[in-house]
Amino acid sequence: RIAVTPDEKAAVTRLYAEALEAAEPTQADQFAATLRARAATPEARAWVEAMMTVKQQKDRLERAYAELQRGENLRQALIQMVVHDLKNPLTAIVPSLQTIQSGVLDPHEEEEMLQTAIDECDYLLRMIDDLNDVGKVQHEGGFQVEKEPVCLRALLDDTVRRLTNRARESGMALRVMEMDDLPDVPADPGRLRRVVDNLVANGIKYGRPPEESGRPAEVQL
């Protein structure tokens, strides 16, 4: 037998405890089972059980914190996205109303402009409703995506109709490329529209080619 001092025994105990705490859950269970089997006294087995309880509680707290952090990060991303997206309809509504106010349009053009402004107002209302998603993410950890059949060509044509004036004011044009007939896709139409709107709006804002390139100043969908 080798004599072990109390300090040495305490040091070994700390090493076992640190190893148990650092182990992955499956490894910790295996390690604890080995320690229990080799424990010479009830006190030693009780120590193993206590360390395993502490380890399990710590793992649960870490998982809960990670989930809370994920929800908070998603909430912040949603807030930034919605605030950014609110600008797109507003930049379409104001020019439409100003053009109507100028009195230069014929009745048909005026009706089209007014319909554009109405559509954008409806879109704004839907986006404000989407702010509820932030609360759902915060309290429930996510939100429901409502899918339905969406015609991509119709979605792109609608985007062009609504953003053409904005593109024209920036000296740009919008063009939907010729495409084969595509089947409807299952998607959340409101959120998909926001994705397409953002891509086209960014193309209008940042997509102008260099003048020497000879390429047309247009956004192709």
C-alpha atoms as a PDB file:
ATOM      1  CA  ARG A   1       0.000   0.000   0.000  1.00  0.00           C
ATOM      2  CA  ILE A   2       1.055   3.555  -0.730  1.00  0.00           C
ATOM      3  CA  ALA A   3       0.275   6.154   1.891  1.00  0.00           C
ATOM      4  CA  VAL A   4      -1.778   9.055   0.504  1.00  0.00           C
ATOM      5  CA  THR A   5      -1.928  12.329   2.348  1.00  0.00           C
ATOM      6  CA  PRO A   6      -5.227  14.241   2.703  1.00  0.00           C
ATOM      7  CA  ASP A   7      -3.913  16.949   0.364  1.00  0.00           C
ATOM      8  CA  GLU A   8      -3.016  14.392  -2.303  1.00  0.00           C
ATOM      9  CA  LYS A   9      -6.406  12.740  -1.943  1.00  0.00           C
ATOM     10  CA  ALA A  10      -8.129  16.123  -2.298  1.00  0.00           C
ATOM     11  CA  ALA A  11      -6.066  16.885  -5.403  1.00  0.00           C
ATOM     12  CA  VAL A  12      -7.046  13.578  -7.023  1.00  0.00           C
ATOM     13  CA  THR A  13     -10.695  14.187  -6.122  1.00  0.00           C
ATOM     14  CA  ARG A  14     -10.558  17.609  -7.793  1.00  0.00           C
ATOM     15  CA  LEU A  15      -9.079  16.037 -10.932  1.00  0.00           C
ATOM     16  CA  TYR A  16     -11.883  13.463 -11.067  1.00  0.00           C
ATOM     17  CA  ALA A  17     -14.463  16.208 -10.551  1.00  0.00           C
ATOM     18  CA  GLU A  18     -12.959  18.392 -13.305  1.00  0.00           C
ATOM     19  CA  ALA A  19     -12.804  15.439 -15.703  1.00  0.00           C
ATOM     20  CA  LEU A  20     -16.421  14.565 -14.969  1.00  0.00           C
ATOM     21  CA  GLU A  21     -17.550  18.153 -15.462  1.00  0.00           C
ATOM     22  CA  ALA A  22     -15.690  18.562 -18.770  1.00  0.00           C
ATOM     23  CA  ALA A  23     -16.936  15.299 -20.267  1.00  0.00           C
ATOM     24  CA  GLU A  24     -19.727  15.127 -22.821  1.00  0.00           C
ATOM     25  CA  PRO A  25     -23.011  13.747 -21.378  1.00  0.00           C
ATOM     26  CA  THR A  26     -22.492  10.196 -22.721  1.00  0.00           C
ATOM     27  CA  GLN A  27     -18.856  10.144 -21.655  1.00  0.00           C
ATOM     28  CA  ALA A  28     -19.794  11.531 -18.250  1.00  0.00           C
ATOM     29  CA  ASP A  29     -22.316   8.706 -17.723  1.00  0.00           C
ATOM     30  CA  GLN A  30     -19.681   6.104 -18.626  1.00  0.00           C
ATOM     31  CA  PHE A  31     -17.071   7.766 -16.443  1.00  0.00           C
ATOM     32  CA  ALA A  32     -19.468   7.976 -13.506  1.00  0.00           C
ATOM     33  CA  ALA A  33     -20.426   4.300 -13.905  1.00  0.00           C
ATOM     34  CA  THR A  34     -16.754   3.363 -13.736  1.00  0.00           C
ATOM     35  CA  LEU A  35     -16.209   5.511 -10.650  1.00  0.00           C
ATOM     36  CA  ARG A  36     -19.237   3.979  -8.920  1.00  0.00           C
ATOM     37  CA  ALA A  37     -18.016   0.469  -9.647  1.00  0.00           C
ATOM     38  CA  ARG A  38     -14.600   1.245  -8.201  1.00  0.00           C
ATOM     39  CA  ALA A  39     -15.826   3.217  -5.213  1.00  0.00           C
ATOM     40  CA  ALA A  40     -14.727   1.445  -2.036  1.00  0.00           C
ATOM     41  CA  THR A  41     -17.206   3.090   0.338  1.00  0.00           C
ATOM     42  CA  PRO A  42     -20.799   4.370   0.340  1.00  0.00           C
ATOM     43  CA  GLU A  43     -19.400   7.845   0.863  1.00  0.00           C
ATOM     44  CA  ALA A  44     -17.368   7.586  -2.341  1.00  0.00           C
ATOM     45  CA  ARG A  45     -20.400   6.418  -4.308  1.00  0.00           C
ATOM     46  CA  ALA A  46     -22.450   9.258  -2.844  1.00  0.00           C
ATOM     47  CA  TRP A  47     -19.742  11.677  -3.972  1.00  0.00           C
ATOM     48  CA  VAL A  48     -20.007  10.350  -7.520  1.00  0.00           C
ATOM     49  CA  GLU A  49     -23.791  10.728  -7.446  1.00  0.00           C
ATOM     50  CA  ALA A  50     -23.497  14.292  -6.168  1.00  0.00           C
ATOM     51  CA  MET A  51     -20.991  15.210  -8.878  1.00  0.00           C
ATOM     52  CA  MET A  52     -23.239  13.694 -11.554  1.00  0.00           C
ATOM     53  CA  THR A  53     -26.210  15.707 -10.265  1.00  0.00           C
ATOM     54  CA  VAL A  54     -24.172  18.896 -10.410  1.00  0.00           C
ATOM     55  CA  LYS A  55     -22.942  17.982 -13.897  1.00  0.00           C
ATOM     56  CA  GLN A  56     -26.474  17.320 -15.198  1.00  0.00           C
ATOM     57  CA  GLN A  57     -27.846  20.541 -13.737  1.00  0.00           C
ATOM     58  CA  LYS A  58     -24.954  22.498 -15.240  1.00  0.00           C
ATOM     59  CA  ASP A  59     -25.557  20.923 -18.664  1.00  0.00           C
ATOM     60  CA  ARG A  60     -29.263  21.781 -18.488  1.00  0.00           C
ATOM     61  CA  LEU A  61     -28.497  25.392 -17.576  1.00  0.00           C
ATOM     62  CA  GLU A  62     -25.995  25.686 -20.436  1.00  0.00           C
ATOM     63  CA  ARG A  63     -28.513  24.295 -22.921  1.00  0.00           C
ATOM     64  CA  ALA A  64     -31.206  26.656 -21.658  1.00  0.00           C
ATOM     65  CA  TYR A  65     -28.844  29.631 -21.895  1.00  0.00           C
ATOM     66  CA  ALA A  66     -27.807  28.668 -25.436  1.00  0.00           C
ATOM     67  CA  GLU A  67     -31.478  28.442 -26.447  1.00  0.00           C
ATOM     68  CA  LEU A  68     -32.220  31.837 -24.913  1.00  0.00           C
ATOM     69  CA  GLN A  69     -29.215  33.331 -26.689  1.00  0.00           C
ATOM     70  CA  ARG A  70     -30.337  31.839 -29.996  1.00  0.00           C
ATOM     71  CA  GLY A  71     -33.810  33.299 -29.533  1.00  0.00           C
ATOM     72  CA  GLU A  72     -32.395  36.725 -28.658  1.00  0.00           C
ATOM     73  CA  ASN A  73     -30.100  36.717 -31.704  1.00  0.00           C
ATOM     74  CA  LEU A  74     -33.010  35.776 -33.948  1.00  0.00           C
ATOM     75  CA  ARG A  75     -35.202  38.454 -32.372  1.00  0.00           C
ATOM     76  CA  GLN A  76     -32.554  41.114 -33.019  1.00  0.00           C
ATOM     77  CA  ALA A  77     -32.150  39.925 -36.609  1.00  0.00           C
ATOM     78  CA  LEU A  78     -35.920  40.107 -37.156  1.00  0.00           C
ATOM     79  CA  ILE A  79     -36.104  43.639 -35.761  1.00  0.00           C
ATOM     80  CA  GLN A  80     -33.288  44.812 -38.030  1.00  0.00           C
ATOM     81  CA  MET A  81     -34.895  43.080 -41.014  1.00  0.00           C
ATOM     82  CA  VAL A  82     -38.314  44.633 -40.450  1.00  0.00           C
ATOM     83  CA  VAL A  83     -36.913  48.124 -39.875  1.00  0.00           C
ATOM     84  CA  HIS A  84     -34.914  47.775 -43.081  1.00  0.00           C
ATOM     85  CA  ASP A  85     -37.882  46.426 -45.014  1.00  0.00           C
ATOM     86  CA  LEU A  86     -40.183  49.251 -43.910  1.00  0.00           C
ATOM     87  CA  LYS A  87     -38.144  51.644 -46.046  1.00  0.00           C
ATOM     88  CA  ASN A  88     -38.942  49.852 -49.302  1.00  0.00           C
ATOM     89  CA  PRO A  89     -42.725  50.496 -49.405  1.00  0.00           C
ATOM     90  CA  LEU A  90     -42.287  54.064 -48.162  1.00  0.00           C
ATOM     91  CA  THR A  91     -39.893  54.910 -50.985  1.00  0.00           C
ATOM     92  CA  ALA A  92     -42.549  53.705 -53.439  1.00  0.00           C
ATOM     93  CA  ILE A  93     -45.533  55.404 -51.762  1.00  0.00           C
ATOM     94  CA  VAL A  94     -44.079  58.918 -51.491  1.00  0.00           C
ATOM     95  CA  PRO A  95     -43.060  59.331 -55.175  1.00  0.00           C
ATOM     96  CA  SER A  96     -46.406  57.913 -56.316  1.00  0.00           C
ATOM     97  CA  LEU A  97     -48.358  60.405 -54.219  1.00  0.00           C
ATOM     98  CA  GLN A  98     -46.098  63.278 -55.281  1.00  0.00           C
ATOM     99  CA  THR A  99     -46.603  62.387 -58.949  1.00  0.00           C
ATOM    100  CA  ILE A 100     -50.384  62.276 -58.452  1.00  0.00           C
ATOM    101  CA  GLN A 101     -50.225  65.628 -56.661  1.00  0.00           C
ATOM    102  CA  SER A 102     -48.332  67.187 -59.560  1.00  0.00           C
ATOM    103  CA  GLY A 103     -51.387  66.773 -61.807  1.00  0.00           C
ATOM    104  CA  VAL A 104     -49.370  65.675 -64.857  1.00  0.00           C
ATOM    105  CA  LEU A 105     -50.974  62.246 -65.179  1.00  0.00           C
ATOM    106  CA  ASP A 106     -53.960  61.261 -67.214  1.00  0.00           C
ATOM    107  CA  PRO A 107     -56.811  59.510 -65.336  1.00  0.00           C
ATOM    108  CA  HIS A 108     -55.572  56.013 -66.224  1.00  0.00           C
ATOM    109  CA  GLU A 109     -51.996  56.741 -65.097  1.00  0.00           C
ATOM    110  CA  GLU A 110     -53.270  58.413 -61.959  1.00  0.00           C
ATOM    111  CA  GLU A 111     -55.359  55.354 -61.140  1.00  0.00           C
ATOM    112  CA  GLU A 112     -52.322  53.092 -61.604  1.00  0.00           C
ATOM    113  CA  MET A 113     -50.194  55.294 -59.351  1.00  0.00           C
ATOM    114  CA  LEU A 114     -52.903  55.385 -56.720  1.00  0.00           C
ATOM    115  CA  GLN A 115     -53.247  51.600 -56.847  1.00  0.00           C
ATOM    116  CA  THR A 116     -49.481  51.277 -56.381  1.00  0.00           C
ATOM    117  CA  ALA A 117     -49.647  53.466 -53.270  1.00  0.00           C
ATOM    118  CA  ILE A 118     -52.578  51.423 -51.922  1.00  0.00           C
ATOM    119  CA  ASP A 119     -50.721  48.166 -52.544  1.00  0.00           C
ATOM    120  CA  GLU A 120     -47.672  49.461 -50.737  1.00  0.00           C
ATOM    121  CA  CYS A 121     -49.806  50.616 -47.785  1.00  0.00           C
ATOM    122  CA  ASP A 122     -51.324  47.139 -47.573  1.00  0.00           C
ATOM    123  CA  TYR A 123     -47.827  45.711 -47.646  1.00  0.00           C
ATOM    124  CA  LEU A 124     -46.778  48.021 -44.826  1.00  0.00           C
ATOM    125  CA  LEU A 125     -49.689  46.818 -42.718  1.00  0.00           C
ATOM    126  CA  ARG A 126     -48.685  43.209 -43.303  1.00  0.00           C
ATOM    127  CA  MET A 127     -45.114  43.992 -42.315  1.00  0.00           C
ATOM    128  CA  ILE A 128     -46.290  45.660 -39.119  1.00  0.00           C
ATOM    129  CA  ASP A 129     -48.250  42.500 -38.382  1.00  0.00           C
ATOM    130  CA  ASP A 130     -45.002  40.608 -38.882  1.00  0.00           C
ATOM    131  CA  LEU A 131     -43.606  42.439 -35.872  1.00  0.00           C
ATOM    132  CA  ASN A 132     -45.671  39.949 -33.908  1.00  0.00           C
ATOM    133  CA  ASP A 133     -43.124  37.396 -35.069  1.00  0.00           C
ATOM    134  CA  VAL A 134     -40.594  39.089 -32.845  1.00  0.00           C
ATOM    135  CA  GLY A 135     -42.766  38.457 -29.817  1.00  0.00           C
ATOM    136  CA  LYS A 136     -43.317  34.857 -30.869  1.00  0.00           C
ATOM    137  CA  VAL A 137     -39.605  34.304 -31.239  1.00  0.00           C
ATOM    138  CA  GLN A 138     -38.957  35.845 -27.849  1.00  0.00           C
ATOM    139  CA  HIS A 139     -41.627  33.859 -26.011  1.00  0.00           C
ATOM    140  CA  GLU A 140     -41.948  30.697 -28.084  1.00  0.00           C
ATOM    141  CA  GLY A 141     -38.532  30.401 -29.716  1.00  0.00           C
ATOM    142  CA  GLY A 142     -39.830  30.617 -33.304  1.00  0.00           C
ATOM    143  CA  PHE A 143     -42.726  31.439 -35.615  1.00  0.00           C
ATOM    144  CA  GLN A 144     -44.868  29.561 -38.070  1.00  0.00           C
ATOM    145  CA  VAL A 145     -44.183  29.782 -41.796  1.00  0.00           C
ATOM    146  CA  GLU A 146     -47.465  29.570 -43.705  1.00  0.00           C
ATOM    147  CA  LYS A 147     -46.856  27.901 -47.066  1.00  0.00           C
ATOM    148  CA  GLU A 148     -49.136  27.987 -50.085  1.00  0.00           C
ATOM    149  CA  PRO A 149     -48.632  27.571 -53.851  1.00  0.00           C
ATOM    150  CA  VAL A 150     -46.837  30.623 -55.265  1.00  0.00           C
ATOM    151  CA  CYS A 151     -46.420  31.465 -58.964  1.00  0.00           C
ATOM    152  CA  LEU A 152     -42.880  32.783 -59.297  1.00  0.00           C
ATOM    153  CA  ARG A 153     -43.494  34.576 -62.588  1.00  0.00           C
ATOM    154  CA  ALA A 154     -46.477  36.416 -61.139  1.00  0.00           C
ATOM    155  CA  LEU A 155     -44.411  37.301 -58.062  1.00  0.00           C
ATOM    156  CA  LEU A 156     -41.630  38.770 -60.201  1.00  0.00           C
ATOM    157  CA  ASP A 157     -44.071  40.652 -62.447  1.00  0.00           C
ATOM    158  CA  ASP A 158     -45.716  42.151 -59.362  1.00  0.00           C
ATOM    159  CA  THR A 159     -42.338  43.201 -57.985  1.00  0.00           C
ATOM    160  CA  VAL A 160     -41.473  44.929 -61.268  1.00  0.00           C
ATOM    161  CA  ARG A 161     -44.849  46.701 -61.327  1.00  0.00           C
ATOM    162  CA  ARG A 162     -44.378  48.072 -57.846  1.00  0.00           C
ATOM    163  CA  LEU A 163     -40.696  49.031 -58.071  1.00  0.00           C
ATOM    164  CA  THR A 164     -40.495  50.352 -61.628  1.00  0.00           C
ATOM    165  CA  ASN A 165     -40.985  53.986 -60.569  1.00  0.00           C
ATOM    166  CA  ARG A 166     -38.240  53.680 -57.994  1.00  0.00           C
ATOM    167  CA  ALA A 167     -35.905  52.170 -60.574  1.00  0.00           C
ATOM    168  CA  ARG A 168     -36.773  54.885 -63.129  1.00  0.00           C
ATOM    169  CA  GLU A 169     -35.961  57.643 -60.623  1.00  0.00           C
ATOM    170  CA  SER A 170     -32.530  56.039 -60.160  1.00  0.00           C
ATOM    171  CA  GLY A 171     -31.942  55.819 -63.904  1.00  0.00           C
ATOM    172  CA  MET A 172     -32.414  52.058 -63.864  1.00  0.00           C
ATOM    173  CA  ALA A 173     -34.775  49.651 -65.587  1.00  0.00           C
ATOM    174  CA  LEU A 174     -36.282  46.374 -64.410  1.00  0.00           C
ATOM    175  CA  ARG A 175     -36.635  43.388 -66.697  1.00  0.00           C
ATOM    176  CA  VAL A 176     -38.032  39.921 -66.091  1.00  0.00           C
ATOM    177  CA  MET A 177     -36.007  37.419 -68.104  1.00  0.00           C
ATOM    178  CA  GLU A 178     -37.732  34.942 -70.363  1.00  0.00           C
ATOM    179  CA  MET A 179     -38.209  31.652 -68.578  1.00  0.00           C
ATOM    180  CA  ASP A 180     -39.810  28.297 -69.178  1.00  0.00           C
ATOM    181  CA  ASP A 181     -43.125  27.584 -67.537  1.00  0.00           C
ATOM    182  CA  LEU A 182     -42.414  26.776 -63.920  1.00  0.00           C
ATOM    183  CA  PRO A 183     -44.679  24.965 -61.486  1.00  0.00           C
ATOM    184  CA  ASP A 184     -45.968  26.797 -58.444  1.00  0.00           C
ATOM    185  CA  VAL A 185     -43.674  26.452 -55.465  1.00  0.00           C
ATOM    186  CA  PRO A 186     -44.734  25.969 -51.828  1.00  0.00           C
ATOM    187  CA  ALA A 187     -43.681  29.126 -49.991  1.00  0.00           C
ATOM    188  CA  ASP A 188     -44.788  31.825 -47.598  1.00  0.00           C
ATOM    189  CA  PRO A 189     -45.839  34.467 -50.172  1.00  0.00           C
ATOM    190  CA  GLY A 190     -45.436  37.470 -47.876  1.00  0.00           C
ATOM    191  CA  ARG A 191     -41.960  36.570 -46.715  1.00  0.00           C
ATOM    192  CA  LEU A 192     -40.845  35.473 -50.170  1.00  0.00           C
ATOM    193  CA  ARG A 193     -42.054  38.785 -51.550  1.00  0.00           C
ATOM    194  CA  ARG A 194     -39.950  40.583 -48.960  1.00  0.00           C
ATOM    195  CA  VAL A 195     -36.883  38.611 -50.010  1.00  0.00           C
ATOM    196  CA  VAL A 196     -37.407  39.451 -53.703  1.00  0.00           C
ATOM    197  CA  ASP A 197     -38.202  43.102 -52.920  1.00  0.00           C
ATOM    198  CA  ASN A 198     -34.997  43.459 -50.940  1.00  0.00           C
ATOM    199  CA  LEU A 199     -32.895  41.873 -53.670  1.00  0.00           C
ATOM    200  CA  VAL A 200     -34.394  44.122 -56.351  1.00  0.00           C
ATOM    201  CA  ALA A 201     -34.188  47.241 -54.150  1.00  0.00           C
ATOM    202  CA  ASN A 202     -30.519  46.534 -53.462  1.00  0.00           C
ATOM    203  CA  GLY A 203     -29.981  45.983 -57.185  1.00  0.00           C
ATOM    204  CA  ILE A 204     -31.526  49.379 -57.908  1.00  0.00           C
ATOM    205  CA  LYS A 205     -29.417  51.040 -55.242  1.00  0.00           C
ATOM    206  CA  TYR A 206     -26.069  49.343 -55.786  1.00  0.00           C
ATOM    207  CA  GLY A 207     -26.244  47.494 -59.104  1.00  0.00           C
ATOM    208  CA  ARG A 208     -25.383  50.222 -61.607  1.00  0.00           C
ATOM    209  CA  PRO A 209     -22.623  48.957 -63.949  1.00  0.00           C
ATOM    210  CA  PRO A 210     -19.605  51.145 -64.785  1.00  0.00           C
ATOM    211  CA  GLU A 211     -20.325  53.458 -67.725  1.00  0.00           C
ATOM    212  CA  GLU A 212     -17.374  52.127 -69.698  1.00  0.00           C
ATOM    213  CA  SER A 213     -18.744  48.576 -69.485  1.00  0.00           C
ATOM    214  CA  GLY A 214     -21.463  49.302 -72.022  1.00  0.00           C
ATOM    215  CA  ARG A 215     -23.935  47.187 -70.045  1.00  0.00           C
ATOM    216  CA  PRO A 216     -27.478  48.521 -69.637  1.00  0.00           C
ATOM    217  CA  ALA A 217     -28.400  50.012 -66.283  1.00  0.00           C
ATOM    218  CA  GLU A 218     -31.032  47.461 -65.457  1.00  0.00           C
ATOM    219  CA  VAL A 219     -31.918  44.883 -62.847  1.00  0.00           C
ATOM    220  CA  GLN A 220     -32.703  41.529 -64.382  1.00  0.00           C
ATOM    221  CA  LEU A 221     -35.054  39.166 -62.580  1.00  0.00           C
END
